[in-house]
């Protein structure tokens, strides 16, 4: 996927319908795509499915240019031409799961890793797969290792504070300062 960007125009209805029909009919499409950097490319895509998530449409499928399963924001597709080649969808494909997992790996400025004082089940109930990856922590203490990416560490501090779990910051070190700043600010606001 591409880096999150400010709100974009809604994708064209024709683009959404073309991609939906191609996914349903298992037909390859040629798409013109504009990255978050503004770079244009043409790609042949076997669309496995369309997913609407957090106010945006995404298409996931086999990108013949990279040779990988990729996720693309539909509002960045400037043209979609159906082709005649057909394809089979691999048995392990789940478009919703693949899009949400892909969004959690978007390259932001900071990679945050914390250990949550929670069970994996509790963490999964509160933290969407599109926000972070979660894994059972090893060792005696247990807990859950949460890895997420953030553009701003002050936002990551607010998100962590709002979870309601205790946590230990593994990285980055600068996150600790943002958490202390947030704690001071909350303490000042709570003062009479």
N, C-alpha and C. Protein backbone atom coordinates (compact mmCIF):
# COMPACT_ATOMS: atom_id res chain seq x y z
N UNK A 1 0.83 -1.18 0.00
CA UNK A 1 0.00 0.00 0.00
C UNK A 1 0.86 1.23 0.00
N UNK A 2 0.20 2.33 -0.11
CA UNK A 2 0.93 3.59 -0.11
C UNK A 2 0.68 4.34 1.17
N UNK A 3 1.59 5.25 1.47
CA UNK A 3 1.52 6.10 2.66
C UNK A 3 0.17 6.80 2.70
N UNK A 4 -0.35 6.95 3.89
CA UNK A 4 -1.61 7.67 4.05
C UNK A 4 -1.42 9.10 3.59
N UNK A 5 -2.45 9.67 3.04
CA UNK A 5 -2.36 11.03 2.54
C UNK A 5 -3.61 11.78 2.94
N UNK A 6 -3.60 13.08 2.77
CA UNK A 6 -4.80 13.84 3.06
C UNK A 6 -5.97 13.32 2.23
N UNK A 7 -7.15 13.68 2.65
CA UNK A 7 -8.35 13.22 1.97
C UNK A 7 -8.24 13.45 0.47
N UNK A 8 -8.62 12.45 -0.27
CA UNK A 8 -8.56 12.53 -1.72
C UNK A 8 -9.98 12.53 -2.26
N UNK A 9 -10.09 12.86 -3.53
CA UNK A 9 -11.38 12.81 -4.17
C UNK A 9 -11.86 11.37 -4.19
N UNK A 10 -13.16 11.19 -4.16
CA UNK A 10 -13.71 9.83 -4.24
C UNK A 10 -13.31 9.24 -5.58
N UNK A 11 -13.11 7.92 -5.62
CA UNK A 11 -12.76 7.30 -6.90
C UNK A 11 -13.94 7.41 -7.86
N UNK A 12 -13.63 7.40 -9.14
CA UNK A 12 -14.68 7.45 -10.14
C UNK A 12 -15.54 6.21 -10.09
N UNK A 13 -16.84 6.40 -10.27
CA UNK A 13 -17.76 5.27 -10.26
C UNK A 13 -17.37 4.23 -11.30
N UNK A 14 -16.96 4.70 -12.48
CA UNK A 14 -16.55 3.78 -13.54
C UNK A 14 -15.38 2.92 -13.13
N UNK A 15 -14.43 3.50 -12.42
CA UNK A 15 -13.26 2.74 -11.95
C UNK A 15 -13.69 1.66 -10.96
N UNK A 16 -14.52 2.04 -10.00
CA UNK A 16 -14.99 1.07 -9.00
C UNK A 16 -15.75 -0.06 -9.69
N UNK A 17 -16.65 0.28 -10.62
CA UNK A 17 -17.44 -0.75 -11.30
C UNK A 17 -16.58 -1.65 -12.17
N UNK A 18 -15.59 -1.07 -12.86
CA UNK A 18 -14.68 -1.86 -13.70
C UNK A 18 -13.90 -2.85 -12.85
N UNK A 19 -13.37 -2.38 -11.73
CA UNK A 19 -12.60 -3.26 -10.85
C UNK A 19 -13.48 -4.34 -10.23
N UNK A 20 -14.70 -3.97 -9.83
CA UNK A 20 -15.62 -4.95 -9.24
C UNK A 20 -15.99 -6.03 -10.26
N UNK A 21 -16.29 -5.62 -11.49
CA UNK A 21 -16.63 -6.59 -12.53
C UNK A 21 -15.44 -7.49 -12.84
N UNK A 22 -14.25 -6.91 -12.91
CA UNK A 22 -13.04 -7.70 -13.19
C UNK A 22 -12.78 -8.71 -12.08
N UNK A 23 -12.98 -8.31 -10.83
CA UNK A 23 -12.79 -9.23 -9.70
C UNK A 23 -13.81 -10.36 -9.76
N UNK A 24 -15.06 -10.02 -10.04
CA UNK A 24 -16.12 -11.03 -10.11
C UNK A 24 -15.88 -12.00 -11.27
N UNK A 25 -15.45 -11.47 -12.43
CA UNK A 25 -15.25 -12.30 -13.63
C UNK A 25 -13.85 -12.90 -13.71
N UNK A 26 -12.99 -12.56 -12.74
CA UNK A 26 -11.59 -13.02 -12.71
C UNK A 26 -10.85 -12.63 -13.98
N UNK A 27 -10.99 -11.34 -14.35
CA UNK A 27 -10.32 -10.80 -15.54
C UNK A 27 -9.22 -9.83 -15.13
N UNK A 28 -8.09 -9.95 -15.78
CA UNK A 28 -6.97 -9.04 -15.54
C UNK A 28 -7.37 -7.64 -16.04
N UNK A 29 -6.88 -6.62 -15.34
CA UNK A 29 -7.10 -5.23 -15.76
C UNK A 29 -5.75 -4.53 -15.86
N UNK A 30 -5.68 -3.59 -16.76
CA UNK A 30 -4.51 -2.71 -16.82
C UNK A 30 -4.93 -1.41 -16.13
N UNK A 31 -4.15 -1.03 -15.11
CA UNK A 31 -4.48 0.19 -14.36
C UNK A 31 -3.34 1.19 -14.49
N UNK A 32 -3.72 2.44 -14.49
CA UNK A 32 -2.76 3.54 -14.36
C UNK A 32 -2.90 4.02 -12.93
N UNK A 33 -1.77 4.06 -12.22
CA UNK A 33 -1.79 4.33 -10.78
C UNK A 33 -0.85 5.48 -10.45
N UNK A 34 -1.31 6.36 -9.57
CA UNK A 34 -0.49 7.48 -9.10
C UNK A 34 -0.15 7.24 -7.63
N UNK A 35 1.15 7.11 -7.33
CA UNK A 35 1.58 6.84 -5.96
C UNK A 35 1.42 8.09 -5.10
N UNK A 36 1.63 7.94 -3.79
CA UNK A 36 1.53 9.07 -2.88
C UNK A 36 2.60 10.12 -3.18
N UNK A 37 3.66 9.71 -3.90
CA UNK A 37 4.71 10.66 -4.30
C UNK A 37 4.34 11.40 -5.59
N UNK A 38 3.21 11.02 -6.20
CA UNK A 38 2.80 11.64 -7.45
C UNK A 38 3.38 10.97 -8.68
N UNK A 39 3.99 9.80 -8.51
CA UNK A 39 4.59 9.08 -9.64
C UNK A 39 3.54 8.18 -10.29
N UNK A 40 3.45 8.26 -11.62
CA UNK A 40 2.49 7.45 -12.37
C UNK A 40 3.14 6.16 -12.85
N UNK A 41 2.35 5.08 -12.86
CA UNK A 41 2.83 3.81 -13.40
C UNK A 41 1.65 3.07 -14.01
N UNK A 42 1.96 2.16 -14.93
CA UNK A 42 0.94 1.27 -15.48
C UNK A 42 1.23 -0.13 -14.97
N UNK A 43 0.16 -0.84 -14.62
CA UNK A 43 0.31 -2.17 -14.05
C UNK A 43 -0.78 -3.09 -14.58
N UNK A 44 -0.43 -4.35 -14.75
CA UNK A 44 -1.43 -5.37 -15.02
C UNK A 44 -1.76 -6.00 -13.67
N UNK A 45 -3.05 -6.03 -13.35
CA UNK A 45 -3.49 -6.45 -12.03
C UNK A 45 -4.57 -7.52 -12.15
N UNK A 46 -4.41 -8.61 -11.40
CA UNK A 46 -5.46 -9.61 -11.25
C UNK A 46 -6.19 -9.24 -9.96
N UNK A 47 -7.33 -8.55 -10.05
CA UNK A 47 -8.00 -8.06 -8.83
C UNK A 47 -8.73 -9.18 -8.09
N UNK A 48 -8.32 -9.42 -6.85
CA UNK A 48 -8.96 -10.46 -6.03
C UNK A 48 -10.20 -9.93 -5.33
N UNK A 49 -10.23 -8.63 -5.05
CA UNK A 49 -11.40 -8.09 -4.38
C UNK A 49 -11.26 -6.62 -4.07
N UNK A 50 -12.41 -5.98 -3.89
CA UNK A 50 -12.48 -4.57 -3.48
C UNK A 50 -12.91 -4.53 -2.02
N UNK A 51 -12.29 -3.63 -1.27
CA UNK A 51 -12.60 -3.50 0.16
C UNK A 51 -12.79 -2.03 0.48
N UNK A 52 -13.86 -1.72 1.21
CA UNK A 52 -14.08 -0.35 1.70
C UNK A 52 -13.65 -0.33 3.15
N UNK A 53 -12.68 0.52 3.47
CA UNK A 53 -12.13 0.57 4.83
C UNK A 53 -11.83 2.01 5.21
N UNK A 54 -12.35 2.44 6.33
CA UNK A 54 -12.09 3.79 6.88
C UNK A 54 -12.29 4.89 5.84
N UNK A 55 -13.38 4.78 5.10
CA UNK A 55 -13.74 5.84 4.17
C UNK A 55 -13.05 5.78 2.81
N UNK A 56 -12.31 4.73 2.53
CA UNK A 56 -11.61 4.60 1.24
C UNK A 56 -11.85 3.22 0.64
N UNK A 57 -11.81 3.18 -0.70
CA UNK A 57 -11.86 1.93 -1.43
C UNK A 57 -10.43 1.47 -1.71
N UNK A 58 -10.21 0.16 -1.56
CA UNK A 58 -8.92 -0.47 -1.87
C UNK A 58 -9.19 -1.68 -2.76
N UNK A 59 -8.24 -1.97 -3.64
CA UNK A 59 -8.29 -3.20 -4.42
C UNK A 59 -7.03 -3.99 -4.10
N UNK A 60 -7.21 -5.27 -3.90
CA UNK A 60 -6.06 -6.14 -3.64
C UNK A 60 -6.02 -7.19 -4.74
N UNK A 61 -4.81 -7.53 -5.15
CA UNK A 61 -4.67 -8.53 -6.20
C UNK A 61 -3.22 -8.75 -6.58
N UNK A 62 -3.02 -9.64 -7.54
CA UNK A 62 -1.66 -9.95 -8.01
C UNK A 62 -1.22 -8.86 -8.98
N UNK A 63 -0.16 -8.16 -8.61
CA UNK A 63 0.43 -7.10 -9.44
C UNK A 63 1.53 -7.74 -10.28
N UNK A 64 1.33 -7.81 -11.59
CA UNK A 64 2.31 -8.46 -12.46
C UNK A 64 3.61 -7.67 -12.56
N UNK A 65 3.58 -6.40 -12.27
CA UNK A 65 4.81 -5.59 -12.31
C UNK A 65 5.76 -6.00 -11.19
N UNK A 66 5.25 -6.17 -9.97
CA UNK A 66 6.10 -6.53 -8.83
C UNK A 66 6.14 -8.04 -8.60
N UNK A 67 5.16 -8.76 -9.16
CA UNK A 67 5.08 -10.19 -8.94
C UNK A 67 4.52 -10.55 -7.57
N UNK A 68 3.91 -9.58 -6.89
CA UNK A 68 3.42 -9.79 -5.53
C UNK A 68 1.94 -9.46 -5.43
N UNK A 69 1.32 -9.95 -4.36
CA UNK A 69 -0.03 -9.51 -4.03
C UNK A 69 0.11 -8.14 -3.40
N UNK A 70 -0.61 -7.17 -3.94
CA UNK A 70 -0.49 -5.78 -3.50
C UNK A 70 -1.86 -5.21 -3.22
N UNK A 71 -1.87 -4.11 -2.48
CA UNK A 71 -3.08 -3.36 -2.19
C UNK A 71 -2.91 -1.97 -2.76
N UNK A 72 -3.92 -1.48 -3.48
CA UNK A 72 -3.87 -0.15 -4.08
C UNK A 72 -5.11 0.64 -3.66
N UNK A 73 -4.91 1.92 -3.38
CA UNK A 73 -6.06 2.80 -3.14
C UNK A 73 -6.74 3.07 -4.47
N UNK A 74 -8.04 2.86 -4.51
CA UNK A 74 -8.77 3.02 -5.77
C UNK A 74 -8.83 4.48 -6.20
N UNK A 75 -8.83 5.44 -5.25
CA UNK A 75 -8.87 6.85 -5.64
C UNK A 75 -7.59 7.29 -6.34
N UNK A 76 -6.54 6.46 -6.30
CA UNK A 76 -5.29 6.79 -6.99
C UNK A 76 -5.17 6.08 -8.34
N UNK A 77 -6.17 5.31 -8.69
CA UNK A 77 -6.19 4.67 -10.00
C UNK A 77 -6.85 5.65 -10.96
N UNK A 78 -6.07 6.10 -11.95
CA UNK A 78 -6.56 7.12 -12.87
C UNK A 78 -7.19 6.52 -14.12
N UNK A 79 -6.97 5.23 -14.36
CA UNK A 79 -7.60 4.54 -15.48
C UNK A 79 -7.59 3.04 -15.19
N UNK A 80 -8.64 2.36 -15.61
CA UNK A 80 -8.73 0.90 -15.46
C UNK A 80 -9.35 0.32 -16.72
N UNK A 81 -8.58 -0.48 -17.44
CA UNK A 81 -9.04 -1.08 -18.70
C UNK A 81 -9.13 -2.59 -18.53
N UNK A 82 -10.32 -3.16 -18.67
CA UNK A 82 -10.42 -4.61 -18.54
C UNK A 82 -9.72 -5.30 -19.71
N UNK A 83 -9.09 -6.43 -19.42
CA UNK A 83 -8.41 -7.21 -20.45
C UNK A 83 -9.17 -8.49 -20.74
N UNK A 84 -8.53 -9.38 -21.49
CA UNK A 84 -9.16 -10.65 -21.84
C UNK A 84 -8.58 -11.81 -21.05
N UNK A 85 -7.37 -11.64 -20.50
CA UNK A 85 -6.75 -12.72 -19.73
C UNK A 85 -7.54 -12.97 -18.45
N UNK A 86 -7.64 -14.23 -18.08
CA UNK A 86 -8.33 -14.59 -16.84
C UNK A 86 -7.32 -15.16 -15.85
N UNK A 87 -7.75 -15.33 -14.62
CA UNK A 87 -6.86 -15.82 -13.57
C UNK A 87 -7.66 -16.60 -12.54
N UNK A 88 -6.95 -17.36 -11.73
CA UNK A 88 -7.54 -18.07 -10.60
C UNK A 88 -7.09 -17.38 -9.33
N UNK A 89 -7.99 -17.28 -8.38
CA UNK A 89 -7.65 -16.68 -7.09
C UNK A 89 -7.05 -17.77 -6.19
N UNK A 90 -5.85 -17.54 -5.64
CA UNK A 90 -5.28 -18.53 -4.72
C UNK A 90 -6.22 -18.80 -3.55
N UNK A 91 -6.21 -20.01 -3.04
CA UNK A 91 -7.14 -20.43 -2.00
C UNK A 91 -6.99 -19.70 -0.68
N UNK A 92 -5.82 -19.14 -0.41
CA UNK A 92 -5.60 -18.49 0.89
C UNK A 92 -5.89 -16.99 0.88
N UNK A 93 -6.48 -16.50 -0.18
CA UNK A 93 -6.75 -15.06 -0.30
C UNK A 93 -8.03 -14.69 0.44
N UNK A 94 -7.94 -13.66 1.25
CA UNK A 94 -9.07 -13.05 1.94
C UNK A 94 -8.88 -11.55 1.79
N UNK A 95 -9.58 -10.90 0.85
CA UNK A 95 -9.32 -9.49 0.58
C UNK A 95 -9.40 -8.58 1.80
N UNK A 96 -10.38 -8.78 2.68
CA UNK A 96 -10.50 -7.91 3.86
C UNK A 96 -9.29 -8.09 4.76
N UNK A 97 -8.94 -9.33 5.05
CA UNK A 97 -7.76 -9.60 5.89
C UNK A 97 -6.49 -9.03 5.25
N UNK A 98 -6.34 -9.23 3.94
CA UNK A 98 -5.13 -8.78 3.26
C UNK A 98 -5.02 -7.26 3.23
N UNK A 99 -6.13 -6.56 3.02
CA UNK A 99 -6.09 -5.09 3.01
C UNK A 99 -5.78 -4.56 4.40
N UNK A 100 -6.44 -5.07 5.43
CA UNK A 100 -6.19 -4.54 6.77
C UNK A 100 -4.76 -4.83 7.22
N UNK A 101 -4.24 -6.00 6.90
CA UNK A 101 -2.84 -6.31 7.24
C UNK A 101 -1.89 -5.42 6.47
N UNK A 102 -2.21 -5.15 5.22
CA UNK A 102 -1.38 -4.29 4.39
C UNK A 102 -1.34 -2.86 4.94
N UNK A 103 -2.48 -2.37 5.40
CA UNK A 103 -2.52 -1.01 5.94
C UNK A 103 -1.69 -0.88 7.21
N UNK A 104 -1.60 -1.93 7.98
CA UNK A 104 -0.79 -1.89 9.20
C UNK A 104 0.70 -1.80 8.90
N UNK A 105 1.09 -2.13 7.65
CA UNK A 105 2.51 -2.09 7.28
C UNK A 105 2.88 -0.85 6.47
N UNK A 106 1.98 0.09 6.35
CA UNK A 106 2.27 1.31 5.59
C UNK A 106 3.50 2.00 6.18
N UNK A 107 4.43 2.44 5.33
CA UNK A 107 5.66 3.04 5.85
C UNK A 107 5.47 4.48 6.33
N UNK A 108 5.41 4.64 7.63
CA UNK A 108 5.35 5.96 8.23
C UNK A 108 6.73 6.31 8.78
N UNK A 109 6.87 7.48 9.35
CA UNK A 109 8.16 7.96 9.84
C UNK A 109 8.71 7.11 10.98
N UNK A 110 7.85 6.67 11.89
CA UNK A 110 8.30 5.97 13.10
C UNK A 110 7.72 4.57 13.16
N UNK A 111 8.54 3.62 13.58
CA UNK A 111 8.03 2.29 13.91
C UNK A 111 8.03 2.18 15.42
N UNK A 112 6.87 1.87 15.96
CA UNK A 112 6.67 1.81 17.41
C UNK A 112 6.51 0.34 17.80
N UNK A 113 7.20 -0.05 18.86
CA UNK A 113 7.02 -1.39 19.39
C UNK A 113 6.87 -1.29 20.90
N UNK A 114 5.77 -1.83 21.40
CA UNK A 114 5.51 -1.84 22.84
C UNK A 114 5.04 -3.23 23.25
N UNK A 115 5.20 -3.53 24.52
CA UNK A 115 4.64 -4.77 25.07
C UNK A 115 3.44 -4.36 25.91
N UNK A 116 2.28 -4.86 25.55
CA UNK A 116 1.04 -4.55 26.25
C UNK A 116 0.82 -5.55 27.38
N UNK A 117 0.34 -5.06 28.51
CA UNK A 117 -0.05 -5.93 29.62
C UNK A 117 -1.49 -6.38 29.37
N UNK A 118 -1.63 -7.30 28.44
CA UNK A 118 -2.96 -7.78 28.04
C UNK A 118 -2.80 -9.14 27.39
N UNK A 119 -3.91 -9.83 27.27
CA UNK A 119 -3.90 -11.08 26.51
C UNK A 119 -4.02 -10.73 25.03
N UNK A 120 -3.65 -11.66 24.19
CA UNK A 120 -3.76 -11.44 22.75
C UNK A 120 -5.22 -11.22 22.37
N UNK A 121 -6.12 -11.95 23.00
CA UNK A 121 -7.56 -11.80 22.72
C UNK A 121 -8.04 -10.40 23.08
N UNK A 122 -7.65 -9.91 24.27
CA UNK A 122 -8.06 -8.56 24.69
C UNK A 122 -7.51 -7.51 23.73
N UNK A 123 -6.25 -7.65 23.36
CA UNK A 123 -5.62 -6.67 22.47
C UNK A 123 -6.32 -6.66 21.11
N UNK A 124 -6.64 -7.83 20.59
CA UNK A 124 -7.31 -7.90 19.28
C UNK A 124 -8.69 -7.26 19.31
N UNK A 125 -9.36 -7.32 20.45
CA UNK A 125 -10.68 -6.68 20.56
C UNK A 125 -10.58 -5.17 20.47
N UNK A 126 -9.49 -4.58 20.93
CA UNK A 126 -9.37 -3.12 20.99
C UNK A 126 -8.54 -2.50 19.87
N UNK A 127 -7.71 -3.29 19.21
CA UNK A 127 -6.77 -2.73 18.23
C UNK A 127 -7.04 -3.35 16.87
N UNK A 128 -7.55 -2.57 15.91
CA UNK A 128 -7.83 -3.11 14.58
C UNK A 128 -6.55 -3.59 13.88
N UNK A 129 -6.69 -4.63 13.06
CA UNK A 129 -5.55 -5.17 12.32
C UNK A 129 -4.94 -4.13 11.38
N UNK A 130 -5.70 -3.12 11.00
CA UNK A 130 -5.16 -2.08 10.11
C UNK A 130 -4.28 -1.09 10.86
N UNK A 131 -4.32 -1.12 12.19
CA UNK A 131 -3.55 -0.17 13.00
C UNK A 131 -2.21 -0.75 13.42
N UNK A 132 -2.19 -2.02 13.77
CA UNK A 132 -0.96 -2.61 14.32
C UNK A 132 -0.97 -4.11 14.11
N UNK A 133 0.23 -4.68 14.19
CA UNK A 133 0.34 -6.13 14.23
C UNK A 133 0.55 -6.54 15.68
N UNK A 134 -0.04 -7.65 16.05
CA UNK A 134 -0.01 -8.13 17.43
C UNK A 134 0.54 -9.54 17.46
N UNK A 135 1.40 -9.83 18.44
CA UNK A 135 1.96 -11.17 18.59
C UNK A 135 2.15 -11.46 20.07
N UNK A 136 1.96 -12.70 20.43
CA UNK A 136 2.17 -13.11 21.81
C UNK A 136 3.64 -12.89 22.17
N UNK A 137 3.89 -12.23 23.30
CA UNK A 137 5.26 -12.01 23.75
C UNK A 137 5.79 -13.29 24.37
N UNK A 138 7.07 -13.54 24.20
CA UNK A 138 7.68 -14.71 24.82
C UNK A 138 8.07 -14.39 26.25
N UNK A 139 8.54 -15.38 26.96
CA UNK A 139 9.02 -15.14 28.32
C UNK A 139 7.95 -15.36 29.36
N UNK A 140 8.38 -15.21 30.61
CA UNK A 140 7.51 -15.48 31.76
C UNK A 140 6.39 -14.46 31.91
N UNK A 141 6.68 -13.21 31.58
CA UNK A 141 5.72 -12.14 31.83
C UNK A 141 4.55 -12.16 30.87
N UNK A 142 4.71 -12.78 29.71
CA UNK A 142 3.64 -12.81 28.73
C UNK A 142 3.40 -11.43 28.15
N UNK A 143 2.15 -11.15 27.91
CA UNK A 143 1.81 -9.88 27.28
C UNK A 143 1.78 -10.03 25.77
N UNK A 144 1.60 -8.91 25.11
CA UNK A 144 1.46 -8.87 23.66
C UNK A 144 2.41 -7.83 23.09
N UNK A 145 3.18 -8.23 22.09
CA UNK A 145 4.03 -7.27 21.39
C UNK A 145 3.17 -6.61 20.31
N UNK A 146 3.05 -5.30 20.40
CA UNK A 146 2.31 -4.52 19.41
C UNK A 146 3.31 -3.71 18.60
N UNK A 147 3.26 -3.87 17.28
CA UNK A 147 4.11 -3.09 16.39
C UNK A 147 3.20 -2.27 15.49
N UNK A 148 3.45 -0.97 15.45
CA UNK A 148 2.66 -0.09 14.58
C UNK A 148 3.58 0.98 14.02
N UNK A 149 3.08 1.66 13.03
CA UNK A 149 3.82 2.75 12.43
C UNK A 149 3.05 4.03 12.71
N UNK A 150 3.80 5.10 12.88
CA UNK A 150 3.15 6.37 13.22
C UNK A 150 3.89 7.51 12.53
N UNK A 151 3.15 8.46 12.06
CA UNK A 151 3.76 9.66 11.49
C UNK A 151 4.20 10.59 12.61
N UNK A 152 3.42 10.62 13.70
CA UNK A 152 3.72 11.50 14.83
C UNK A 152 3.70 10.70 16.12
N UNK A 153 4.74 10.86 16.92
CA UNK A 153 4.83 10.11 18.17
C UNK A 153 3.86 10.62 19.23
N UNK A 154 3.48 11.91 19.18
CA UNK A 154 2.49 12.39 20.15
C UNK A 154 1.16 11.69 19.93
N UNK A 155 0.82 11.42 18.67
CA UNK A 155 -0.40 10.68 18.38
C UNK A 155 -0.32 9.24 18.86
N UNK A 156 0.86 8.62 18.71
CA UNK A 156 1.05 7.26 19.20
C UNK A 156 0.90 7.22 20.72
N UNK A 157 1.42 8.23 21.41
CA UNK A 157 1.30 8.30 22.87
C UNK A 157 -0.17 8.37 23.28
N UNK A 158 -0.96 9.22 22.60
CA UNK A 158 -2.38 9.34 22.91
C UNK A 158 -3.12 8.02 22.66
N UNK A 159 -2.78 7.37 21.56
CA UNK A 159 -3.42 6.10 21.24
C UNK A 159 -3.12 5.05 22.31
N UNK A 160 -1.85 4.95 22.71
CA UNK A 160 -1.46 3.99 23.74
C UNK A 160 -2.16 4.28 25.07
N UNK A 161 -2.21 5.55 25.44
CA UNK A 161 -2.86 5.92 26.71
C UNK A 161 -4.34 5.58 26.69
N UNK A 162 -4.97 5.67 25.54
CA UNK A 162 -6.39 5.39 25.42
C UNK A 162 -6.76 3.92 25.39
N UNK A 163 -5.78 3.04 25.27
CA UNK A 163 -6.10 1.61 25.20
C UNK A 163 -6.60 1.05 26.52
N UNK A 164 -6.12 1.63 27.63
CA UNK A 164 -6.52 1.12 28.93
C UNK A 164 -5.68 -0.06 29.41
N UNK A 165 -4.59 -0.37 28.73
CA UNK A 165 -3.66 -1.42 29.14
C UNK A 165 -2.40 -0.76 29.68
N UNK A 166 -1.74 -1.42 30.62
CA UNK A 166 -0.38 -1.03 30.93
C UNK A 166 0.50 -1.41 29.75
N UNK A 167 1.63 -0.76 29.60
CA UNK A 167 2.51 -1.10 28.48
C UNK A 167 3.95 -0.69 28.80
N UNK A 168 4.87 -1.31 28.09
CA UNK A 168 6.29 -1.00 28.18
C UNK A 168 6.79 -0.66 26.79
N UNK A 169 7.40 0.51 26.64
CA UNK A 169 7.91 0.93 25.34
C UNK A 169 9.23 0.21 25.06
N UNK A 170 9.31 -0.42 23.90
CA UNK A 170 10.57 -1.01 23.45
C UNK A 170 11.31 -0.02 22.54
N UNK A 171 10.57 0.59 21.64
CA UNK A 171 11.17 1.56 20.73
C UNK A 171 10.08 2.38 20.08
N UNK A 172 10.37 3.57 19.63
CA UNK A 172 11.62 4.31 19.75
C UNK A 172 11.72 4.98 21.12
N UNK A 173 12.91 5.27 21.50
CA UNK A 173 13.18 5.91 22.80
C UNK A 173 12.43 7.24 22.93
N UNK A 174 12.32 7.99 21.83
CA UNK A 174 11.66 9.31 21.88
C UNK A 174 10.20 9.23 22.29
N UNK A 175 9.58 8.06 22.10
CA UNK A 175 8.17 7.91 22.48
C UNK A 175 7.98 8.12 23.98
N UNK A 176 8.95 7.73 24.77
CA UNK A 176 8.85 7.90 26.22
C UNK A 176 8.65 9.38 26.59
N UNK A 177 9.37 10.27 25.93
CA UNK A 177 9.23 11.71 26.19
C UNK A 177 7.83 12.20 25.85
N UNK A 178 7.27 11.71 24.76
CA UNK A 178 5.91 12.12 24.37
C UNK A 178 4.88 11.60 25.38
N UNK A 179 5.11 10.42 25.92
CA UNK A 179 4.20 9.87 26.93
C UNK A 179 4.29 10.71 28.21
N UNK A 180 5.50 11.09 28.61
CA UNK A 180 5.65 11.95 29.80
C UNK A 180 4.97 13.30 29.58
N UNK A 181 5.14 13.89 28.38
CA UNK A 181 4.49 15.17 28.07
C UNK A 181 2.97 15.04 28.17
N UNK A 182 2.43 13.95 27.64
CA UNK A 182 0.99 13.72 27.70
C UNK A 182 0.53 13.58 29.15
N UNK A 183 1.28 12.84 29.94
CA UNK A 183 0.92 12.65 31.36
C UNK A 183 0.91 13.99 32.09
N UNK A 184 1.92 14.83 31.84
CA UNK A 184 1.96 16.16 32.47
C UNK A 184 0.75 17.00 32.05
N UNK A 185 0.45 16.98 30.77
CA UNK A 185 -0.68 17.76 30.26
C UNK A 185 -1.99 17.30 30.89
N UNK A 186 -2.19 16.00 31.00
CA UNK A 186 -3.41 15.48 31.62
C UNK A 186 -3.48 15.85 33.09
N UNK A 187 -2.35 15.79 33.76
CA UNK A 187 -2.31 16.15 35.18
C UNK A 187 -2.66 17.63 35.37
N UNK A 188 -2.14 18.48 34.49
CA UNK A 188 -2.44 19.92 34.58
C UNK A 188 -3.92 20.18 34.33
N UNK A 189 -4.50 19.46 33.37
CA UNK A 189 -5.92 19.65 33.06
C UNK A 189 -6.81 19.14 34.18
N UNK A 190 -6.34 18.18 34.94
CA UNK A 190 -7.14 17.63 36.04
C UNK A 190 -7.03 18.46 37.31
N UNK A 191 -6.06 19.36 37.36
CA UNK A 191 -5.87 20.18 38.56
C UNK A 191 -7.04 21.14 38.73
N UNK A 192 -7.41 21.43 39.99
CA UNK A 192 -8.54 22.34 40.23
C UNK A 192 -8.21 23.77 39.81
